[in-house]
Protein backbone atom coordinates (compact mmCIF):
# COMPACT_ATOMS: atom_id res chain seq x y z
CA MET A 1 34.38 24.66 -13.51
CA THR A 2 32.64 27.64 -14.93
CA ARG A 3 34.06 31.16 -15.24
CA ARG A 4 31.59 32.52 -12.79
CA SER A 5 32.62 30.13 -9.95
CA PHE A 6 36.38 30.92 -10.24
CA PRO A 7 36.31 34.35 -8.40
CA PHE A 8 34.22 32.78 -5.65
CA LEU A 9 36.81 30.07 -5.09
CA LEU A 10 39.64 32.64 -4.89
CA GLY A 11 37.79 34.69 -2.24
CA THR A 12 37.08 31.58 -0.18
CA ALA A 13 40.76 30.57 -0.25
CA ALA A 14 41.89 34.02 0.87
CA LEU A 15 39.44 33.99 3.75
CA VAL A 16 40.67 30.57 4.91
CA LEU A 17 44.31 31.76 4.72
CA LEU A 18 43.58 34.92 6.81
CA THR A 19 41.74 32.87 9.41
CA THR A 20 44.66 30.47 9.70
CA GLN A 21 47.14 33.30 10.21
CA LEU A 22 45.00 34.92 12.94
CA ALA A 23 44.76 31.64 14.77
CA ALA A 24 48.52 31.25 14.62
CA CYS A 25 48.99 34.73 16.04
CA ASP A 26 46.69 33.89 18.93
CA ARG A 27 48.84 30.90 19.75
CA GLN A 28 52.10 32.97 19.97
CA PRO A 29 53.26 33.78 23.60
CA VAL A 30 52.81 37.41 24.85
CA ARG A 31 56.18 39.18 25.31
CA ALA A 32 56.66 40.31 28.98
CA GLU A 33 57.28 44.03 29.76
CA ALA A 34 60.91 44.90 30.47
CA PRO A 35 61.70 45.24 34.25
CA LEU A 36 62.18 48.74 35.72
CA ARG A 37 65.77 49.92 36.18
CA MET A 38 66.93 50.19 39.77
CA VAL A 39 68.92 53.36 40.59
CA LYS A 40 70.69 54.55 43.67
CA LEU A 41 69.52 58.02 44.70
CA ILE A 42 71.59 60.57 46.56
CA THR A 43 70.76 63.93 48.11
CA PRO A 44 73.75 66.21 47.48
CA PRO A 45 74.85 68.40 50.39
CA THR A 46 74.21 72.06 49.66
CA THR A 47 76.34 74.85 51.08
CA ALA A 48 76.94 78.48 50.32
CA ALA A 49 80.42 79.24 49.09
CA GLY A 50 80.40 82.53 50.97
CA ASN A 51 78.94 81.33 54.29
CA TYR A 52 81.37 81.50 57.18
CA SER A 53 81.12 80.25 60.75
CA PHE A 54 82.76 82.05 63.65
CA VAL A 55 83.01 81.34 67.35
CA ALA A 56 81.55 84.02 69.61
CA LEU A 57 81.21 84.41 73.37
CA VAL A 58 78.28 85.52 75.47
CA ARG A 59 78.94 88.27 78.00
CA GLN A 60 76.98 90.80 80.01
CA ALA A 61 76.81 94.36 78.74
CA GLN A 62 77.79 95.59 82.24
CA ARG A 63 81.01 94.08 83.56
CA ALA A 64 83.96 95.43 85.52
CA ASP A 65 87.27 94.45 87.10
CA LEU A 66 87.21 95.83 90.64
CA SER A 67 90.43 96.89 92.35
CA PHE A 68 91.59 99.17 95.15
CA GLU A 69 92.81 102.60 94.13
CA ASN A 70 95.64 102.39 96.67
CA GLY A 71 97.61 99.32 97.61
CA GLY A 72 97.45 97.67 100.98
CA ARG A 73 96.75 94.49 102.89
CA VAL A 74 93.32 92.97 102.23
CA ALA A 75 91.40 92.92 105.49
CA GLY A 76 88.35 91.04 104.23
CA VAL A 77 86.48 89.81 101.16
CA MET A 78 82.76 89.56 101.90
CA VAL A 79 81.60 87.82 98.70
CA ASP A 80 82.45 84.76 96.67
CA VAL A 81 82.04 83.61 93.09
CA GLY A 82 78.39 83.41 92.06
CA ASP A 83 77.07 85.67 94.82
CA THR A 84 74.38 88.14 93.87
CA VAL A 85 75.08 91.67 95.10
CA ARG A 86 73.19 94.94 95.18
CA ARG A 87 74.47 98.33 94.18
CA GLY A 88 76.65 99.95 96.87
CA GLN A 89 77.15 96.72 98.81
CA VAL A 90 80.55 96.37 100.53
CA LEU A 91 82.52 93.68 98.74
CA ALA A 92 86.06 93.92 100.21
CA THR A 93 88.11 96.14 102.53
CA LEU A 94 91.75 97.02 103.14
CA ASP A 95 93.43 97.27 106.52
CA PRO A 96 92.07 100.62 107.80
CA GLU A 97 94.99 101.52 110.08
CA PRO A 98 97.36 102.99 107.44
CA ALA A 99 94.62 105.25 106.08
CA HIS A 100 93.69 106.34 109.60
CA LEU A 101 97.31 107.22 110.42
CA GLN A 102 97.62 109.18 107.18
CA ILE A 103 94.60 111.22 108.16
CA LEU A 104 96.07 111.99 111.58
CA GLN A 105 99.34 113.03 109.96
CA ALA A 106 97.57 115.24 107.43
CA GLU A 107 95.43 116.87 110.12
CA ALA A 108 98.55 117.71 112.16
CA GLN A 109 100.19 119.23 109.10
CA VAL A 110 97.11 121.34 108.45
CA ARG A 111 97.14 122.68 112.02
CA SER A 112 100.87 123.47 111.78
CA THR A 113 100.59 125.33 108.49
CA ALA A 114 97.48 127.15 109.66
CA GLY A 115 99.41 128.44 112.71
CA GLN A 116 102.32 129.57 110.57
CA LEU A 117 99.94 131.35 108.22
CA GLN A 118 98.33 133.20 111.09
CA GLU A 119 101.74 134.22 112.42
CA ARG A 120 102.86 135.54 109.02
CA ARG A 121 99.65 137.53 108.67
CA ASP A 122 100.22 139.18 112.09
CA GLN A 123 103.76 140.12 111.09
CA LEU A 124 102.47 141.58 107.83
CA ARG A 125 100.02 143.83 109.68
CA GLN A 126 102.86 145.08 111.92
CA GLN A 127 105.06 145.88 108.96
CA GLN A 128 102.20 147.67 107.23
CA ALA A 129 101.67 149.88 110.31
CA MET A 130 105.38 150.61 110.67
CA HIS A 131 105.67 151.40 106.99
CA ALA A 132 102.77 153.84 107.32
CA ASP A 133 104.64 155.62 110.17
CA GLY A 134 107.88 155.57 108.15
CA ALA A 135 109.59 153.16 110.57
CA ALA A 136 109.85 150.28 108.07
CA SER A 137 111.14 150.25 104.54
CA LYS A 138 109.30 149.08 101.48
CA LEU A 139 111.65 146.12 101.15
CA THR A 140 110.77 144.88 104.62
CA LEU A 141 107.05 145.19 103.84
CA ASP A 142 107.47 143.20 100.63
CA ALA A 143 109.31 140.43 102.48
CA ALA A 144 106.46 140.16 105.00
CA GLN A 145 103.95 139.96 102.16
CA LEU A 146 105.96 137.14 100.51
CA ALA A 147 106.10 135.21 103.78
CA VAL A 148 102.30 135.33 104.02
CA THR A 149 101.96 134.04 100.45
CA MET A 150 104.29 131.10 101.11
CA ALA A 151 102.56 130.22 104.38
CA ASP A 152 99.19 130.28 102.64
CA ALA A 153 100.48 127.92 99.92
CA ALA A 154 101.86 125.52 102.55
CA ASN A 155 98.49 125.50 104.31
CA SER A 156 96.65 124.81 101.06
CA SER A 157 99.00 121.91 100.32
CA ALA A 158 98.42 120.43 103.77
CA THR A 159 94.66 120.75 103.33
CA ALA A 160 94.83 118.91 99.99
CA ALA A 161 96.92 116.17 101.59
CA LEU A 162 94.22 115.78 104.24
CA GLU A 163 91.56 115.42 101.56
CA LEU A 164 93.64 112.79 99.79
CA ALA A 165 94.05 110.88 103.04
CA ALA A 166 90.30 111.01 103.59
CA ARG A 167 89.76 109.74 100.04
CA ALA A 168 92.25 106.92 100.61
CA GLN A 169 90.23 105.90 103.63
CA ARG A 170 87.01 105.90 101.62
CA VAL A 171 88.39 103.91 98.69
CA SER A 172 89.86 101.31 101.00
CA VAL A 173 86.31 99.93 100.98
CA LEU A 174 85.34 98.23 97.72
CA ARG A 175 81.64 98.59 96.83
CA ALA A 176 79.52 97.15 94.03
CA PRO A 177 79.08 99.73 91.24
CA TYR A 178 75.75 98.15 90.24
CA ALA A 179 73.58 95.17 90.97
CA GLY A 180 74.93 91.95 89.56
CA ARG A 181 76.80 88.75 90.21
CA ILE A 182 80.39 88.07 91.24
CA LYS A 183 82.22 86.38 88.37
CA ALA A 184 85.68 85.90 89.90
CA ARG A 185 87.47 86.35 93.22
CA LEU A 186 91.18 86.98 92.77
CA ALA A 187 92.37 88.01 96.25
CA GLN A 188 92.10 86.55 99.74
CA PRO A 189 92.09 88.22 103.17
CA GLY A 190 95.63 88.87 104.45
CA ALA A 191 97.17 89.17 101.00
CA LEU A 192 98.89 92.33 99.81
CA ALA A 193 97.07 94.00 96.93
CA ALA A 194 98.89 96.47 94.73
CA ALA A 195 97.19 99.60 93.46
CA GLY A 196 95.02 98.62 90.49
CA GLN A 197 95.36 94.88 91.08
CA VAL A 198 92.08 93.12 90.24
CA VAL A 199 90.42 91.76 93.37
CA LEU A 200 86.94 90.90 92.08
CA GLN A 201 85.17 90.66 88.74
CA ILE A 202 81.50 91.57 88.57
CA GLU A 203 78.83 91.30 85.88
CA GLY A 204 75.65 93.33 85.94
CA ASP A 205 72.08 92.15 85.58
CA SER A 206 71.64 93.97 82.27
CA HIS A 207 70.98 92.22 78.95
CA PRO A 208 73.62 89.83 77.60
CA GLN A 209 75.62 90.50 74.46
CA VAL A 210 77.55 88.34 72.03
CA VAL A 211 81.09 89.32 71.04
CA ALA A 212 83.08 87.90 68.14
CA ASP A 213 86.42 88.71 66.53
CA LEU A 214 85.72 88.42 62.79
CA PRO A 215 88.42 88.20 60.09
CA ALA A 216 88.35 91.51 58.25
CA ALA A 217 89.16 89.88 54.90
CA LEU A 218 86.02 87.70 55.00
CA LEU A 219 83.42 90.25 56.08
CA PRO A 220 80.75 90.99 53.47
CA ALA A 221 79.80 94.58 52.68
CA SER A 222 76.24 93.87 53.85
CA LEU A 223 77.37 93.30 57.45
CA LYS A 224 76.48 96.65 59.01
CA PRO A 225 74.84 97.67 62.32
CA GLY A 226 71.28 96.37 62.29
CA ALA A 227 72.07 93.27 60.23
CA VAL A 228 70.54 90.02 61.52
CA VAL A 229 72.58 86.82 61.72
CA THR A 230 71.86 83.37 63.13
CA ALA A 231 73.78 81.46 65.76
CA ARG A 232 73.58 78.09 67.45
CA ARG A 233 74.37 77.26 71.03
CA ALA A 234 75.96 74.13 72.43
CA GLU A 235 73.70 71.74 74.26
CA PRO A 236 73.65 67.98 74.93
CA ALA A 237 71.91 65.98 72.21
CA ASP A 238 70.13 63.85 74.83
CA ALA A 239 70.00 63.22 78.55
CA ASN A 240 72.86 60.69 78.38
CA ASP A 241 75.10 62.88 76.24
CA THR A 242 77.39 64.99 78.38
CA THR A 243 79.51 66.34 75.53
CA ASN A 244 79.19 70.00 74.70
CA THR A 245 78.11 69.51 71.06
CA ILE A 246 75.94 71.57 68.76
CA ASN A 247 72.47 70.06 68.44
CA THR A 248 71.25 71.17 65.03
CA THR A 249 68.06 69.11 65.10
CA ASN A 250 66.51 71.19 67.86
CA PRO A 251 64.82 74.28 66.37
CA THR A 252 65.03 76.07 69.73
CA ASN A 253 68.82 75.85 69.40
CA ILE A 254 68.77 78.63 66.79
CA ILE A 255 69.38 82.17 68.09
CA ARG A 256 68.94 85.36 66.11
CA LEU A 257 71.38 88.20 66.70
CA THR A 258 71.35 91.84 65.66
CA LEU A 259 74.66 93.56 65.01
CA ARG A 260 75.01 96.47 67.43
CA SER A 261 78.43 97.76 66.46
CA LEU A 262 81.43 96.86 64.31
CA ALA A 263 84.86 98.23 65.15
CA ASP A 264 86.25 100.67 62.60
CA HIS A 265 89.82 99.47 63.08
CA ILE A 266 91.59 96.16 62.46
CA ASP A 267 93.41 94.46 65.33
CA ALA A 268 96.92 93.11 65.06
CA GLY A 269 95.54 89.68 64.15
CA GLY A 270 93.58 91.04 61.20
CA THR A 271 90.24 90.79 63.00
CA VAL A 272 87.45 93.23 63.69
CA GLN A 273 85.44 93.07 66.91
CA ALA A 274 81.68 92.81 66.46
CA ILE A 275 79.09 93.14 69.22
CA PHE A 276 75.65 91.58 68.76
CA ASP A 277 72.42 91.94 70.73
CA LEU A 278 70.16 88.93 71.23
CA GLN A 279 66.73 89.30 69.69
CA PRO A 280 63.77 88.68 72.04
CA GLU A 281 62.30 85.20 71.86
CA PRO A 282 59.12 83.72 73.36
CA GLY A 283 59.11 81.59 76.45
CA PRO A 284 61.96 81.71 78.96
CA GLY A 285 64.09 83.66 76.48
CA HIS A 286 67.83 83.53 76.73
CA ALA A 287 67.95 82.82 80.44
CA SER A 288 69.87 79.60 79.74
CA LEU A 289 72.67 81.52 78.05
CA ARG A 290 75.34 82.01 80.69
CA SER A 291 78.17 84.44 80.43
CA GLY A 292 81.14 82.80 78.78
CA ALA A 293 79.04 80.38 76.71
CA ALA A 294 80.27 79.74 73.17
CA LEU A 295 78.07 80.26 70.12
CA SER A 296 78.61 79.42 66.47
CA ILE A 297 77.68 82.41 64.30
CA ALA A 298 76.87 81.94 60.60
CA ILE A 299 77.34 84.98 58.37
CA ASP A 300 75.97 84.82 54.84
CA SER A 301 77.98 86.67 52.21
CA GLY A 302 75.18 86.34 49.63
CA ALA A 303 77.01 83.77 47.50
CA LYS A 304 75.10 81.23 45.42
CA GLN A 305 74.19 77.84 46.82
CA VAL A 306 76.57 75.11 45.70
CA ALA A 307 75.78 71.37 45.64
CA THR A 308 78.49 68.72 45.62
CA LEU A 309 77.95 65.52 43.60
CA PRO A 310 80.14 62.51 42.85
CA LEU A 311 81.46 62.39 39.30
CA THR A 312 79.39 59.25 38.65
CA ALA A 313 76.17 61.30 39.05
CA VAL A 314 77.08 63.92 36.45
CA ALA A 315 77.32 63.60 32.70
CA GLN A 316 79.66 66.39 31.63
CA GLY A 317 78.89 68.20 28.41
CA ALA A 318 81.12 68.98 25.47
CA ARG A 319 81.44 72.61 26.61
CA SER A 320 83.43 73.23 29.78
CA GLY A 321 81.31 73.90 32.86
CA THR A 322 78.15 72.25 31.47
CA GLY A 323 76.53 68.88 31.98
CA HIS A 324 73.33 67.17 33.04
CA VAL A 325 71.99 65.04 35.86
CA PHE A 326 68.85 62.95 36.37
CA VAL A 327 66.55 64.33 39.07
CA PHE A 328 64.17 61.84 40.70
CA HIS A 329 60.47 62.68 41.09
CA HIS A 330 58.50 60.64 43.61
CA THR A 331 55.29 61.20 41.64
CA GLY A 332 55.47 58.43 39.07
CA ASN A 333 59.00 57.40 40.11
CA VAL A 334 60.48 58.99 37.00
CA LEU A 335 63.78 60.66 36.21
CA GLU A 336 64.04 64.13 34.73
CA ARG A 337 67.08 64.97 32.65
CA ARG A 338 68.21 68.43 33.74
CA SER A 339 71.03 70.62 32.52
CA VAL A 340 73.32 72.01 35.22
CA VAL A 341 76.25 74.40 35.50
CA LEU A 342 79.37 72.82 36.94
CA GLY A 343 82.02 74.38 39.16
CA ARG A 344 85.28 73.15 40.59
CA GLN A 345 86.22 69.48 40.63
CA ARG A 346 87.71 68.14 43.83
CA GLY A 347 88.92 64.58 43.62
CA ASP A 348 85.96 62.30 42.90
CA SER A 349 83.36 65.06 43.34
CA ILE A 350 82.33 68.18 41.47
CA GLU A 351 80.37 71.31 42.36
CA VAL A 352 77.00 72.09 40.79
CA THR A 353 76.49 75.85 40.95
CA GLU A 354 73.17 76.09 39.08
CA GLY A 355 70.32 73.77 38.20
CA LEU A 356 69.62 71.96 41.48
CA GLN A 357 67.40 72.91 44.41
CA PRO A 358 68.28 72.02 48.02
CA GLY A 359 66.85 68.64 49.00
CA GLU A 360 66.40 67.26 45.47
CA GLN A 361 67.49 63.66 44.83
CA VAL A 362 69.50 62.62 41.81
CA ALA A 363 70.66 59.33 40.33
CA GLY A 364 74.06 58.60 41.79
CA ALA A 365 75.46 56.53 38.93
CA GLY A 366 74.76 55.16 35.47
CA THR A 367 73.89 58.48 33.85
CA ALA A 368 75.09 57.21 30.47
CA PHE A 369 72.37 54.52 30.44
CA LEU A 370 69.47 56.67 31.65
CA ILE A 371 66.95 58.56 29.55
CA ASP A 372 64.58 61.44 30.20
CA HIS A 373 61.21 60.54 31.86
CA GLN A 374 62.38 56.98 32.52
CA ARG A 375 60.52 55.10 35.26
CA VAL A 376 62.87 53.63 37.85
CA VAL A 377 62.89 51.90 41.23
CA PRO A 378 64.90 53.53 44.04
CA TYR A 379 67.60 51.22 45.35
CA GLN A 380 67.33 50.41 49.05
CA ALA A 381 70.20 48.68 50.78
CA ALA A 382 69.15 45.61 52.73
CA SER A 383 71.07 44.80 55.89
CA THR A 384 70.36 42.11 58.42
CA LEU A 385 72.12 44.21 61.03
CA ALA A 386 69.78 47.16 60.40
CA ALA A 387 66.77 44.90 60.70
CA GLY A 388 68.03 43.39 63.90
CA GLU A 389 68.23 39.85 62.49
CA GLN A 390 70.72 37.36 63.80
CA PRO A 391 73.17 35.78 61.36
């Protein structure tokens, strides 16, 4: 072998060795990609720490308890519960005979006192004439003048008694103070009604109002006349549901109220009465809201939104009140590691005061084994009962 052929042989051997190694690499099996991690996603409930719900009642702005000014026996009640009445319509009457007899008695007293007054005036004129001629003393004249004054007072008293008797006769007929509907009937014909005893309750045809007794200690400073709050009314969830439950899935169930007035004093129970007006709404409006219906009023105090998560979904940080969660993004099915501010811990759950938006989904467990921007598969529970399969 010559010196010139030796480098050629080395290059040929190296080429053969490289080719052999590449062929061996081609024969090695391809390693499969690791499977995606399956995670259970949860949507934490979000509430406002300062939101309060109160029960309120619907009532008509015009309403009255009707009673007789003077007691007596009820002669008739011309209306019943639910009847529509017009202003001035006769609703109930008392037995008219006592009032009629009182008028006759008062008229007789007026005639008697009028006669006495005329007699005292005639005697006064006689005494004045005699006193002018010197036949009567000044003391006698003064006594005649006093008698006229007393007779005039007695006549005035009798006249006032007659007017009162006439008024008693008028108010023995109960009339509707305004157009409306009869809410309650509390007396029957033949029964004795005391003065001021409620016989009928009436509600006018004016606009309805909503009244609530609100705890004074929980009222925010922003709740002033003109403030707008939301309420929900009770209605059956479907045609077969006869329970009086709140249907929150129906958007027409939401009612907006404007605060008309807020009492400036606190009742014995520590509450403040608030009166709300219903805001106009399209369509049939609030015609379905009957007087006495219950509403649930939500008043926002302006507090931050708070989400509640199980402890397994939160990785707490070294500093108190800090931690992180993994938020799921449907685009790409990836998890985002996000820092959050933690609040109070209650049992197996903890509040998240900052860092989450309402409706966001987070990984419910396994936070210690998850990483940022990791692709995952949402866990879906399989149930033969849900699918309608038979065992």
